[in-house]
Amino acid sequence: MREKKTVLFVLIIVIILFLGFYSIISKKRSDTRESNTLKIYLTGQGDDYDRRINAIINKFQQKYPNIKIQKVMFDINKGDGIEGYVKKMLADTLAGDGPDILCLDNMSTRKLERSDMLVDLKPFIEKDKDFKKEDYNMKVIEAGLYNGQQVIMPLDFYVNQYITTEQLLKNNNVKLQDNCSQKDFMKALDGYITSANEDKSKFLFATPMNIEDFLASSGKEFIDYDNKKVYFNNPEFKEIIENYKKIYNASKKKSDIAGYSGTNGFEDLKNGNTLFSNDPIDMRGTFFQYESLVNQVVGESQIINTMPSYKGGNKVTAIVSNSLAISKNTKNKQAAYNFIKIAISEDIQGAGDLPSSIPVNKKAARDLENQYMKNEVNHAYEYSKNITVVEQPLSNKFQSYYNKIVNNVGDAQITNYEVEQIMMECLTPYFQDKSSYETCVRALENKIKLYLNE
């Protein structure tokens, strides 16, 4: 009887052990199966989405056919649009059920950065023998550092720039010096700003200047995201905000613009009712063409430059445009890193038919310039019914400017859409002389501190 009990006890133990091992093996198999899939959220219209991401996916699947890319589409014309997509991505990631690879812009980067849900890319970069720092704009890449960890990989960037003409400056008695300080730049514009404030048909900038871009271009940082601190209570911040107030009041407001065509600034330069165009950079479109437009349609010589920094000098501040990151919940982190590696490769970033800002890959940035000079020069297109533009070689001045913004990045920043909204909400009463500077900055400081500690 005792022997039967012993045999039964041993049998039960064996069954329990078998079930335990089966569960572990089954889980490992499940993990292996799931690790062969990378999920990515994409925005678009219907089945049409970012062609650059599509090119990255195609290249990745050619190189790694055993890894499946699961695309989760969000139609920005439905629901809450792009803001709804960002909220969904944030919520799903924080809940542990989001995408493996995150496509980020300035509406989502900072919140995810602070979430402790992103993989540190540094160990992967350090082990990657093919990653050569000299091939990349490392100042821009380092903007993705948070508490010493590379949690964000910037793909491209832009600069806060302006375009005008020699004749416009001369006609308005404006003399701008290269590498001048923000103070000297604003002083040179005093007369025009006074005139624009008196004549409501005259504007300084053709479209509103983003306050976060203006602060970034100053080269100063007044918010420490790592340590959750703000530095608004100092003379430099006050001077920069007062300069922005002058620009804000002398430039077009959102209410003055029926819609954004991408060439709003150019049209206003042509009409002569604005001093500066600040149309956004599109490296695969108007950026290289703009000089030909100005020369042939306006009939004047283009002047292009970055907004000056607070202290002046020839260094530029890059503003990160689009980025990628990896969720900590990703089971195959090496595969996800390989996806990012393809995204910053020369092949992808230098492809002339894929829209983006300035590539973080330096060779790709040079490729785009060479492609324009080789393939686009002498190409003619109809700008309007009676105007045909023949694309011309880039002038020496333009090429010097391009070298500056690609090779002379002194600092790079990731701006924050939510902070921009808070700033405009708190400071607009000051811009409109409805409240004092001190009152508005106090409210701003309180709201930003709350935001940083959410």
Protein backbone atom coordinates (compact mmCIF):
# COMPACT_ATOMS: atom_id res chain seq x y z
CA MET A 1 0.00 0.00 0.00
CA ARG A 2 2.80 2.33 0.94
CA GLU A 3 4.57 1.48 -2.39
CA LYS A 4 1.39 2.34 -4.36
CA LYS A 5 1.17 5.70 -2.59
CA THR A 6 4.84 6.38 -3.38
CA VAL A 7 4.31 5.53 -7.08
CA LEU A 8 1.20 7.73 -7.21
CA PHE A 9 3.07 10.63 -5.56
CA VAL A 10 5.97 10.33 -8.02
CA LEU A 11 3.52 10.17 -10.94
CA ILE A 12 1.80 13.36 -9.76
CA ILE A 13 5.19 15.12 -9.43
CA VAL A 14 6.14 14.01 -12.97
CA ILE A 15 2.82 15.31 -14.37
CA ILE A 16 3.27 18.66 -12.58
CA LEU A 17 6.85 18.98 -13.86
CA PHE A 18 5.76 18.03 -17.40
CA LEU A 19 2.98 20.60 -17.39
CA GLY A 20 5.40 23.24 -16.08
CA PHE A 21 8.03 22.48 -18.71
CA TYR A 22 5.37 22.37 -21.45
CA SER A 23 4.13 25.78 -20.35
CA ILE A 24 7.67 27.23 -20.49
CA ILE A 25 8.40 25.63 -23.88
CA SER A 26 5.04 26.80 -25.23
CA LYS A 27 5.73 30.35 -23.99
CA LYS A 28 9.20 30.32 -25.55
CA ARG A 29 7.75 29.18 -28.85
CA SER A 30 5.12 31.92 -28.61
CA ASP A 31 7.78 34.52 -27.83
CA THR A 32 9.88 33.32 -30.78
CA ARG A 33 6.88 33.52 -33.11
CA GLU A 34 5.93 37.01 -31.88
CA SER A 35 9.53 38.21 -32.09
CA ASN A 36 9.41 37.68 -35.85
CA THR A 37 6.83 40.45 -36.15
CA LEU A 38 7.42 44.18 -35.76
CA LYS A 39 4.33 46.33 -35.36
CA ILE A 40 4.33 49.92 -36.60
CA TYR A 41 1.60 52.57 -36.52
CA LEU A 42 1.25 54.66 -39.68
CA THR A 43 -0.76 57.76 -40.54
CA GLY A 44 -2.13 58.53 -43.95
CA GLN A 45 -5.25 58.95 -46.02
CA GLY A 46 -6.96 55.66 -46.73
CA ASP A 47 -4.25 53.19 -47.78
CA ASP A 48 -1.88 56.00 -48.78
CA TYR A 49 0.79 56.69 -46.15
CA ASP A 50 4.28 58.20 -45.80
CA ARG A 51 6.25 57.09 -48.85
CA ARG A 52 9.52 57.26 -46.95
CA ILE A 53 8.29 54.80 -44.29
CA ASN A 54 7.00 52.59 -47.10
CA ALA A 55 10.46 52.62 -48.71
CA ILE A 56 12.08 51.73 -45.36
CA ILE A 57 9.65 48.82 -44.89
CA ASN A 58 10.31 47.51 -48.43
CA LYS A 59 14.08 47.73 -47.96
CA PHE A 60 13.85 46.05 -44.55
CA GLN A 61 11.74 43.17 -45.83
CA GLN A 62 14.15 42.60 -48.73
CA LYS A 63 17.06 42.35 -46.29
CA TYR A 64 15.23 40.51 -43.50
CA PRO A 65 12.52 38.37 -45.17
CA ASN A 66 11.94 36.34 -41.98
CA ILE A 67 10.72 39.39 -40.06
CA LYS A 68 7.15 40.46 -40.75
CA ILE A 69 6.13 44.13 -40.54
CA GLN A 70 2.61 44.54 -39.17
CA LYS A 71 1.23 47.89 -40.33
CA VAL A 72 -1.56 49.46 -38.30
CA MET A 73 -3.08 52.27 -40.35
CA PHE A 74 -4.65 55.47 -39.01
CA ASP A 75 -6.60 57.60 -41.47
CA ILE A 76 -5.95 61.22 -40.43
CA ASN A 77 -9.13 62.29 -42.21
CA LYS A 78 -11.21 60.25 -39.78
CA GLY A 79 -11.76 60.47 -36.03
CA ASP A 80 -9.54 63.02 -34.28
CA GLY A 81 -6.99 63.23 -37.10
CA ILE A 82 -3.29 63.44 -36.30
CA GLU A 83 -3.93 64.34 -32.64
CA GLY A 84 -6.09 61.23 -32.27
CA TYR A 85 -3.29 59.12 -33.72
CA VAL A 86 -0.76 60.57 -31.26
CA LYS A 87 -3.07 59.95 -28.29
CA LYS A 88 -3.68 56.36 -29.40
CA MET A 89 0.04 55.69 -29.89
CA LEU A 90 0.89 57.15 -26.47
CA ALA A 91 -1.91 55.29 -24.68
CA ASP A 92 -1.14 51.94 -26.33
CA THR A 93 2.60 52.26 -25.71
CA LEU A 94 2.16 53.15 -22.04
CA ALA A 95 -0.28 50.24 -21.69
CA GLY A 96 2.32 47.86 -23.15
CA ASP A 97 0.32 47.05 -26.28
CA GLY A 98 1.54 49.70 -28.70
CA PRO A 99 3.82 49.60 -31.74
CA ASP A 100 7.31 48.09 -31.61
CA ILE A 101 8.66 50.95 -33.74
CA LEU A 102 7.35 54.42 -33.02
CA CYS A 103 7.16 57.15 -35.68
CA LEU A 104 7.48 60.46 -33.82
CA ASP A 105 7.13 64.16 -34.47
CA ASN A 106 7.04 67.15 -32.15
CA MET A 107 3.51 66.25 -31.02
CA SER A 108 4.62 63.00 -29.41
CA THR A 109 8.37 62.92 -28.81
CA ARG A 110 8.68 64.64 -25.44
CA LYS A 111 5.92 62.68 -23.69
CA LEU A 112 7.32 59.36 -24.81
CA GLU A 113 10.82 60.49 -23.94
CA ARG A 114 9.71 60.94 -20.32
CA SER A 115 7.67 57.72 -20.20
CA ASP A 116 10.58 55.30 -19.53
CA MET A 117 9.03 53.12 -22.26
CA LEU A 118 11.75 53.56 -24.90
CA VAL A 119 14.84 51.45 -25.58
CA ASP A 120 18.30 53.00 -25.17
CA LEU A 121 19.87 52.76 -28.64
CA LYS A 122 23.40 53.47 -27.41
CA PRO A 123 24.41 49.80 -26.82
CA PHE A 124 23.22 48.89 -30.34
CA ILE A 125 25.10 51.82 -31.91
CA GLU A 126 28.28 50.98 -30.01
CA LYS A 127 28.17 47.35 -31.22
CA ASP A 128 27.34 48.36 -34.79
CA LYS A 129 30.62 48.25 -36.74
CA ASP A 130 28.94 49.88 -39.76
CA PHE A 131 27.84 52.96 -37.81
CA LYS A 132 30.43 55.68 -38.49
CA LYS A 133 29.80 58.92 -36.63
CA GLU A 134 31.42 60.99 -39.37
CA ASP A 135 28.64 59.90 -41.76
CA TYR A 136 25.95 61.51 -39.61
CA ASN A 137 25.09 64.89 -38.19
CA MET A 138 25.83 63.78 -34.64
CA LYS A 139 24.68 67.05 -33.04
CA VAL A 140 21.23 66.29 -34.43
CA ILE A 141 21.33 62.65 -33.33
CA GLU A 142 22.41 63.72 -29.82
CA ALA A 143 19.23 65.79 -29.54
CA GLY A 144 17.57 62.39 -29.00
CA LEU A 145 19.43 61.87 -25.71
CA TYR A 146 17.36 61.82 -22.53
CA ASN A 147 19.08 61.36 -19.17
CA GLY A 148 22.14 60.14 -21.06
CA GLN A 149 20.24 57.51 -23.05
CA GLN A 150 19.70 57.63 -26.82
CA VAL A 151 15.97 56.94 -26.70
CA ILE A 152 15.16 58.89 -29.89
CA MET A 153 16.76 58.55 -33.33
CA PRO A 154 16.20 61.74 -35.36
CA LEU A 155 15.75 61.12 -39.09
CA ASP A 156 15.92 64.69 -40.36
CA PHE A 157 15.86 68.32 -39.29
CA TYR A 158 15.12 71.84 -40.43
CA VAL A 159 16.37 75.31 -39.56
CA ASN A 160 14.38 78.42 -38.75
CA GLN A 161 15.16 80.38 -41.89
CA TYR A 162 14.00 83.35 -43.92
CA ILE A 163 14.07 84.21 -47.61
CA THR A 164 13.98 87.72 -49.05
CA THR A 165 15.52 89.58 -52.00
CA GLU A 166 18.25 92.16 -52.37
CA GLN A 167 15.78 94.61 -53.92
CA LEU A 168 13.19 94.25 -51.13
CA LEU A 169 15.81 94.97 -48.48
CA LYS A 170 17.13 97.94 -50.45
CA ASN A 171 13.65 99.38 -51.10
CA ASN A 172 12.85 99.18 -47.38
CA ASN A 173 16.23 100.51 -46.22
CA VAL A 174 17.02 97.28 -44.34
CA LYS A 175 20.66 96.25 -44.01
CA LEU A 176 21.29 92.75 -42.65
CA GLN A 177 24.73 91.57 -41.60
CA ASP A 178 25.91 87.96 -41.80
CA ASN A 179 26.36 86.15 -38.48
CA CYS A 180 24.84 89.05 -36.53
CA SER A 181 23.22 88.65 -33.11
CA GLN A 182 19.46 88.51 -32.64
CA LYS A 183 19.62 91.98 -31.08
CA ASP A 184 21.36 93.48 -34.12
CA PHE A 185 18.95 91.69 -36.48
CA MET A 186 15.92 93.13 -34.70
CA LYS A 187 17.52 96.59 -34.60
CA ALA A 188 17.96 96.46 -38.40
CA LEU A 189 14.22 95.73 -38.72
CA ASP A 190 12.96 98.49 -36.40
CA GLY A 191 11.94 100.85 -39.20
CA TYR A 192 10.16 98.16 -41.20
CA ILE A 193 8.34 96.83 -38.11
CA THR A 194 7.06 100.34 -37.29
CA SER A 195 5.87 100.71 -40.89
CA ALA A 196 4.16 97.27 -40.88
CA ASN A 197 2.35 98.08 -37.63
CA GLU A 198 1.00 101.29 -39.20
CA ASP A 199 0.16 99.81 -42.63
CA LYS A 200 -2.09 96.76 -42.18
CA SER A 201 -1.40 95.55 -45.75
CA LYS A 202 2.31 95.23 -45.02
CA PHE A 203 3.88 92.29 -43.15
CA LEU A 204 7.27 91.25 -41.78
CA PHE A 205 6.82 87.48 -42.22
CA ALA A 206 4.35 85.90 -44.65
CA THR A 207 3.24 83.20 -42.19
CA PRO A 208 3.24 83.09 -38.37
CA MET A 209 6.57 82.13 -36.84
CA ASN A 210 6.36 79.26 -34.38
CA ILE A 211 7.46 80.52 -30.94
CA GLU A 212 9.28 77.26 -30.14
CA ASP A 213 11.23 77.54 -33.40
CA PHE A 214 12.14 81.13 -32.56
CA LEU A 215 13.37 80.14 -29.10
CA ALA A 216 15.31 77.20 -30.56
CA SER A 217 16.99 79.35 -33.21
CA SER A 218 18.25 81.65 -30.44
CA GLY A 219 20.52 78.80 -29.34
CA LYS A 220 19.23 79.12 -25.78
CA GLU A 221 17.32 76.44 -23.85
CA PHE A 222 14.97 77.58 -21.11
CA ILE A 223 13.38 74.21 -20.27
CA ASP A 224 15.40 71.35 -18.79
CA TYR A 225 13.34 68.24 -19.60
CA ASP A 226 15.82 65.89 -17.94
CA ASN A 227 15.61 67.62 -14.55
CA LYS A 228 12.10 69.12 -14.94
CA LYS A 229 13.20 72.72 -14.46
CA VAL A 230 12.40 76.01 -16.21
CA TYR A 231 14.53 79.13 -16.56
CA PHE A 232 12.11 81.87 -17.57
CA ASN A 233 13.05 84.29 -14.82
CA ASN A 234 16.12 85.80 -16.49
CA PRO A 235 16.91 88.81 -18.73
CA GLU A 236 17.79 86.70 -21.78
CA PHE A 237 14.37 85.02 -21.88
CA LYS A 238 12.66 88.39 -21.51
CA GLU A 239 14.67 89.94 -24.35
CA ILE A 240 13.94 87.01 -26.68
CA ILE A 241 10.22 87.08 -25.87
CA GLU A 242 10.11 90.84 -26.46
CA ASN A 243 11.76 90.30 -29.85
CA TYR A 244 9.20 87.61 -30.66
CA LYS A 245 6.42 90.02 -29.70
CA LYS A 246 7.67 92.48 -32.34
CA ILE A 247 7.71 89.72 -34.98
CA TYR A 248 4.29 88.44 -33.88
CA ASN A 249 2.62 91.83 -34.20
CA ALA A 250 4.25 92.77 -37.53
CA SER A 251 3.65 89.41 -39.27
CA LYS A 252 0.64 87.60 -40.64
CA LYS A 253 -1.56 85.76 -38.13
CA LYS A 254 -3.35 82.48 -38.76
CA SER A 255 -6.56 84.48 -39.24
CA ASP A 256 -4.91 86.34 -42.15
CA ILE A 257 -4.27 83.12 -44.10
CA ALA A 258 -7.03 81.18 -45.85
CA GLY A 259 -4.86 78.05 -46.16
CA TYR A 260 -1.26 76.91 -46.47
CA SER A 261 -0.14 76.18 -50.03
CA GLY A 262 3.57 75.74 -49.29
CA THR A 263 4.40 78.82 -51.37
CA ASN A 264 2.48 81.46 -49.39
CA GLY A 265 5.71 83.30 -48.67
CA PHE A 266 6.85 83.27 -52.26
CA GLU A 267 3.58 84.75 -53.47
CA ASP A 268 3.88 87.56 -50.92
CA LEU A 269 7.49 88.25 -51.95
CA LYS A 270 6.28 88.44 -55.54
CA ASN A 271 3.52 90.86 -54.56
CA GLY A 272 5.94 92.92 -52.48
CA ASN A 273 3.74 93.13 -49.39
CA THR A 274 6.05 91.13 -47.10
CA LEU A 275 9.75 91.36 -46.30
CA PHE A 276 10.41 87.71 -45.48
CA SER A 277 9.13 84.39 -46.70
CA ASN A 278 9.34 81.61 -44.10
CA ASP A 279 7.87 78.76 -46.12
CA PRO A 280 8.84 75.39 -44.62
CA ILE A 281 11.79 73.44 -46.05
CA ASP A 282 10.93 70.62 -48.44
CA MET A 283 14.23 69.15 -49.58
CA ARG A 284 12.55 67.19 -52.38
CA GLY A 285 10.53 70.16 -53.63
CA THR A 286 10.70 73.91 -53.36
CA PHE A 287 13.94 74.23 -51.38
CA PHE A 288 16.32 73.92 -54.34
CA GLN A 289 13.80 75.44 -56.77
CA TYR A 290 13.12 78.58 -54.74
CA GLU A 291 16.13 80.46 -56.07
CA SER A 292 14.99 79.93 -59.68
CA LEU A 293 11.47 81.05 -58.73
CA VAL A 294 12.73 84.27 -57.16
CA ASN A 295 15.10 85.05 -60.00
CA GLN A 296 12.70 84.33 -62.86
CA VAL A 297 9.25 85.14 -61.46
CA VAL A 298 10.09 88.01 -59.11
CA GLY A 299 13.08 89.09 -61.18
CA GLU A 300 15.35 89.65 -58.19
CA SER A 301 18.26 87.93 -56.40
CA GLN A 302 17.39 85.63 -53.51
CA ILE A 303 18.82 86.10 -50.04
CA ILE A 304 18.43 83.12 -47.71
CA ASN A 305 19.69 82.73 -44.15
CA THR A 306 18.88 81.25 -40.77
CA MET A 307 17.29 83.33 -38.05
CA PRO A 308 20.23 84.63 -36.00
CA SER A 309 21.13 83.17 -32.64
CA TYR A 310 21.02 85.23 -29.46
CA LYS A 311 24.78 85.83 -29.46
CA GLY A 312 25.38 85.64 -33.22
CA GLY A 313 28.01 83.63 -35.08
CA ASN A 314 28.01 81.19 -37.98
CA LYS A 315 26.76 78.12 -36.10
CA VAL A 316 23.16 77.04 -36.71
CA THR A 317 20.60 75.39 -34.45
CA ALA A 318 18.97 72.35 -36.01
CA ILE A 319 15.34 71.58 -35.12
CA VAL A 320 14.50 67.88 -35.24
CA SER A 321 11.65 67.12 -37.60
CA ASN A 322 10.87 63.36 -37.61
CA SER A 323 12.25 60.56 -35.45
CA LEU A 324 11.97 56.86 -34.72
CA ALA A 325 12.14 55.02 -31.40
CA ILE A 326 11.78 51.46 -30.11
CA SER A 327 9.31 50.41 -27.43
CA LYS A 328 10.73 48.53 -24.42
CA ASN A 329 7.98 45.93 -24.99
CA THR A 330 9.50 44.97 -28.34
CA LYS A 331 10.56 41.33 -28.25
CA ASN A 332 13.09 41.54 -31.10
CA LYS A 333 14.95 44.74 -30.32
CA GLN A 334 17.83 43.93 -32.69
CA ALA A 335 15.39 43.67 -35.61
CA ALA A 336 13.84 46.99 -34.59
CA TYR A 337 17.31 48.59 -34.49
CA ASN A 338 18.01 47.19 -37.95
CA PHE A 339 14.85 48.96 -39.14
CA ILE A 340 16.15 52.26 -37.74
CA LYS A 341 19.57 51.61 -39.30
CA ILE A 342 17.93 51.35 -42.72
CA ALA A 343 15.91 54.51 -42.03
CA ILE A 344 19.10 56.58 -41.58
CA SER A 345 21.01 54.94 -44.44
CA GLU A 346 22.25 56.94 -47.41
CA ASP A 347 20.05 54.94 -49.81
CA ILE A 348 16.83 55.89 -48.04
CA GLN A 349 17.73 59.41 -46.94
CA GLY A 350 19.26 60.36 -50.27
CA ALA A 351 16.36 59.15 -52.41
CA GLY A 352 15.21 62.24 -54.30
CA ASP A 353 11.56 61.20 -54.56
CA LEU A 354 10.97 60.74 -50.83
CA PRO A 355 9.77 63.87 -48.98
CA SER A 356 11.60 64.99 -45.86
CA SER A 357 13.57 67.82 -44.31
CA ILE A 358 17.40 67.88 -44.18
CA PRO A 359 18.67 64.28 -43.80
CA VAL A 360 20.62 63.39 -40.67
CA ASN A 361 22.86 61.36 -42.99
CA LYS A 362 25.44 63.86 -44.30
CA LYS A 363 26.19 61.90 -47.47
CA ALA A 364 22.48 61.78 -48.27
CA ALA A 365 22.20 65.55 -47.79
CA ARG A 366 25.00 66.01 -50.31
CA ASP A 367 23.33 63.49 -52.66
CA LEU A 368 20.18 65.63 -52.79
CA GLU A 369 22.14 68.71 -53.85
CA ASN A 370 24.02 66.72 -56.50
CA GLN A 371 20.80 65.18 -57.81
CA TYR A 372 19.30 68.62 -58.28
CA MET A 373 22.37 69.91 -60.13
CA LYS A 374 22.57 66.78 -62.31
CA ASN A 375 18.93 65.95 -62.99
CA GLU A 376 16.85 69.09 -62.49
CA VAL A 377 18.90 71.94 -63.95
CA ASN A 378 17.36 73.17 -67.26
CA HIS A 379 14.13 71.35 -66.46
CA ALA A 380 11.20 73.64 -67.32
CA TYR A 381 7.81 73.64 -65.64
CA GLU A 382 4.73 75.83 -65.70
CA TYR A 383 4.44 77.84 -62.50
CA SER A 384 1.22 79.52 -63.61
CA LYS A 385 -0.72 80.01 -66.83
CA ASN A 386 1.65 82.62 -68.24
CA ILE A 387 4.86 81.79 -66.35
CA THR A 388 7.31 79.00 -67.16
CA VAL A 389 10.29 78.50 -64.86
CA VAL A 390 13.53 76.91 -66.03
CA GLU A 391 15.44 75.49 -63.08
CA GLN A 392 18.93 76.97 -62.94
CA PRO A 393 22.20 75.88 -61.28
CA LEU A 394 22.46 76.79 -57.61
CA SER A 395 24.39 80.01 -57.05
CA ASN A 396 27.61 80.09 -55.05
CA LYS A 397 25.77 81.99 -52.30
CA PHE A 398 23.08 79.32 -52.06
CA GLN A 399 25.64 76.51 -52.01
CA SER A 400 27.50 78.29 -49.19
CA TYR A 401 24.24 78.52 -47.26
CA TYR A 402 23.51 74.84 -47.83
CA ASN A 403 27.00 73.91 -46.62
CA LYS A 404 26.35 76.00 -43.52
CA ILE A 405 23.09 74.30 -42.53
CA VAL A 406 24.41 70.80 -43.26
CA ASN A 407 27.96 71.06 -41.88
CA ASN A 408 27.84 73.82 -39.29
CA VAL A 409 25.26 72.62 -36.77
CA GLY A 410 26.30 73.88 -33.36
CA ASP A 411 23.28 72.62 -31.47
CA ALA A 412 20.07 70.70 -32.10
CA GLN A 413 16.77 70.74 -30.26
CA ILE A 414 13.52 68.80 -30.23
CA THR A 415 10.66 71.25 -29.99
CA ASN A 416 7.41 70.44 -28.25
CA TYR A 417 3.98 71.05 -29.77
CA GLU A 418 2.24 71.02 -26.37
CA VAL A 419 4.73 73.51 -24.90
CA GLU A 420 4.24 75.74 -27.96
CA GLN A 421 0.48 75.69 -27.32
CA ILE A 422 0.96 76.55 -23.64
CA MET A 423 3.36 79.38 -24.48
CA MET A 424 0.99 80.99 -26.96
CA GLU A 425 -1.95 80.62 -24.57
CA CYS A 426 -0.04 82.29 -21.71
CA LEU A 427 1.91 84.93 -23.63
CA THR A 428 -0.61 86.14 -26.23
CA PRO A 429 -2.22 88.55 -23.72
CA TYR A 430 1.23 90.15 -23.37
CA PHE A 431 1.74 90.26 -27.14
CA GLN A 432 -1.63 92.02 -27.44
CA ASP A 433 -0.87 94.43 -24.54
CA LYS A 434 -3.75 93.04 -22.49
CA SER A 435 -1.57 91.85 -19.61
CA SER A 436 1.89 92.54 -18.18
CA TYR A 437 4.97 90.51 -19.03
CA GLU A 438 5.42 89.48 -15.38
CA THR A 439 1.85 88.20 -15.04
CA CYS A 440 2.01 86.20 -18.26
CA VAL A 441 5.42 84.64 -17.54
CA ARG A 442 4.31 83.68 -14.03
CA ALA A 443 1.32 81.84 -15.50
CA LEU A 444 3.59 80.24 -18.12
CA GLU A 445 6.07 79.03 -15.51
CA ASN A 446 3.33 77.44 -13.41
CA LYS A 447 1.76 75.66 -16.38
CA ILE A 448 5.06 74.35 -17.77
CA LYS A 449 6.08 73.04 -14.34
CA LEU A 450 2.76 71.20 -14.10
CA TYR A 451 3.30 69.78 -17.58
CA LEU A 452 6.81 68.58 -16.75
CA ASN A 453 5.59 66.81 -13.62
CA GLU A 454 2.55 65.10 -15.11
